[in-house]
Amino acid sequence: MAHPKSRISKQRKRKRRTHKKAAMPTVAICKKTGEPHLYHRAYWHDGAMYYKGQVVIAAAEEEID
């Protein structure tokens, strides 16, 4: 016996998929630097890397000869 080409209609399938959208990422503001960044991510500010308001990698000092 032959099988139908599509058991779920295109319209029904598309109605179901309309709600699958990417959400906007939540942005946090650092209390120390005031820099906006993504939650649980390290970020650079003035040459130093910060994570949870603390310096992880200090800024490199330039040498003047």
C-alpha atoms as a PDB file:
ATOM      1  CA  MET A   1       0.000   0.000   0.000  1.00  0.00           C
ATOM      2  CA  ALA A   2       1.284   3.446  -0.867  1.00  0.00           C
ATOM      3  CA  HIS A   3       2.326   5.892   1.839  1.00  0.00           C
ATOM      4  CA  PRO A   4       1.203   9.493   1.805  1.00  0.00           C
ATOM      5  CA  LYS A   5       3.958  11.885   0.779  1.00  0.00           C
ATOM      6  CA  SER A   6       3.499  14.100   3.865  1.00  0.00           C
ATOM      7  CA  ARG A   7       1.509  13.016   6.927  1.00  0.00           C
ATOM      8  CA  ILE A   8       1.756  16.456   8.547  1.00  0.00           C
ATOM      9  CA  SER A   9       0.729  19.294   6.300  1.00  0.00           C
ATOM     10  CA  LYS A  10       3.177  22.085   5.501  1.00  0.00           C
ATOM     11  CA  GLN A  11       0.894  24.600   7.184  1.00  0.00           C
ATOM     12  CA  ARG A  12       0.699  22.598  10.428  1.00  0.00           C
ATOM     13  CA  LYS A  13       4.475  22.069  10.470  1.00  0.00           C
ATOM     14  CA  ARG A  14       5.168  25.769   9.900  1.00  0.00           C
ATOM     15  CA  LYS A  15       2.733  26.820  12.639  1.00  0.00           C
ATOM     16  CA  ARG A  16       4.623  24.646  15.113  1.00  0.00           C
ATOM     17  CA  ARG A  17       8.011  26.045  14.080  1.00  0.00           C
ATOM     18  CA  THR A  18       7.053  29.731  14.355  1.00  0.00           C
ATOM     19  CA  HIS A  19       7.773  29.742  18.093  1.00  0.00           C
ATOM     20  CA  LYS A  20      11.320  28.399  17.797  1.00  0.00           C
ATOM     21  CA  LYS A  21      13.358  31.576  17.882  1.00  0.00           C
ATOM     22  CA  ALA A  22      16.673  32.488  19.445  1.00  0.00           C
ATOM     23  CA  ALA A  23      16.289  34.557  22.607  1.00  0.00           C
ATOM     24  CA  MET A  24      18.234  37.747  23.159  1.00  0.00           C
ATOM     25  CA  PRO A  25      21.295  37.111  25.351  1.00  0.00           C
ATOM     26  CA  THR A  26      21.179  38.608  28.840  1.00  0.00           C
ATOM     27  CA  VAL A  27      23.658  41.427  29.269  1.00  0.00           C
ATOM     28  CA  ALA A  28      25.110  42.332  32.673  1.00  0.00           C
ATOM     29  CA  ILE A  29      26.750  45.575  33.740  1.00  0.00           C
ATOM     30  CA  CYS A  30      29.974  45.251  35.757  1.00  0.00           C
ATOM     31  CA  LYS A  31      29.753  47.080  39.086  1.00  0.00           C
ATOM     32  CA  LYS A  32      33.468  47.917  39.028  1.00  0.00           C
ATOM     33  CA  THR A  33      34.026  49.058  35.454  1.00  0.00           C
ATOM     34  CA  GLY A  34      30.486  49.771  34.225  1.00  0.00           C
ATOM     35  CA  GLU A  35      31.236  47.698  31.133  1.00  0.00           C
ATOM     36  CA  PRO A  36      28.341  45.687  29.630  1.00  0.00           C
ATOM     37  CA  HIS A  37      29.178  41.998  29.100  1.00  0.00           C
ATOM     38  CA  LEU A  38      27.541  38.593  28.780  1.00  0.00           C
ATOM     39  CA  TYR A  39      26.869  36.613  31.946  1.00  0.00           C
ATOM     40  CA  HIS A  40      29.511  33.987  32.844  1.00  0.00           C
ATOM     41  CA  ARG A  41      31.982  35.385  30.308  1.00  0.00           C
ATOM     42  CA  ALA A  42      35.271  37.193  30.818  1.00  0.00           C
ATOM     43  CA  TYR A  43      35.639  40.546  29.068  1.00  0.00           C
ATOM     44  CA  TRP A  44      38.381  43.043  28.237  1.00  0.00           C
ATOM     45  CA  HIS A  45      38.383  46.595  29.600  1.00  0.00           C
ATOM     46  CA  ASP A  46      41.334  49.010  29.271  1.00  0.00           C
ATOM     47  CA  GLY A  47      43.707  46.187  28.340  1.00  0.00           C
ATOM     48  CA  ALA A  48      42.841  44.015  31.380  1.00  0.00           C
ATOM     49  CA  MET A  49      40.609  40.952  31.402  1.00  0.00           C
ATOM     50  CA  TYR A  50      37.876  40.905  34.056  1.00  0.00           C
ATOM     51  CA  TYR A  51      35.683  38.078  35.330  1.00  0.00           C
ATOM     52  CA  LYS A  52      33.121  38.546  38.123  1.00  0.00           C
ATOM     53  CA  GLY A  53      34.483  42.044  38.786  1.00  0.00           C
ATOM     54  CA  GLN A  54      38.056  40.889  39.386  1.00  0.00           C
ATOM     55  CA  VAL A  55      41.127  41.235  37.184  1.00  0.00           C
ATOM     56  CA  VAL A  56      42.076  37.865  35.679  1.00  0.00           C
ATOM     57  CA  ILE A  57      44.811  39.091  33.335  1.00  0.00           C
ATOM     58  CA  ALA A  58      46.417  42.425  34.156  1.00  0.00           C
ATOM     59  CA  ALA A  59      47.039  45.039  31.492  1.00  0.00           C
ATOM     60  CA  ALA A  60      50.425  44.856  29.810  1.00  0.00           C
ATOM     61  CA  GLU A  61      52.597  47.885  30.515  1.00  0.00           C
ATOM     62  CA  GLU A  62      54.263  49.474  27.526  1.00  0.00           C
ATOM     63  CA  GLU A  63      58.026  49.873  27.682  1.00  0.00           C
ATOM     64  CA  ILE A  64      59.421  53.188  26.489  1.00  0.00           C
ATOM     65  CA  ASP A  65      63.073  53.136  25.403  1.00  0.00           C
END
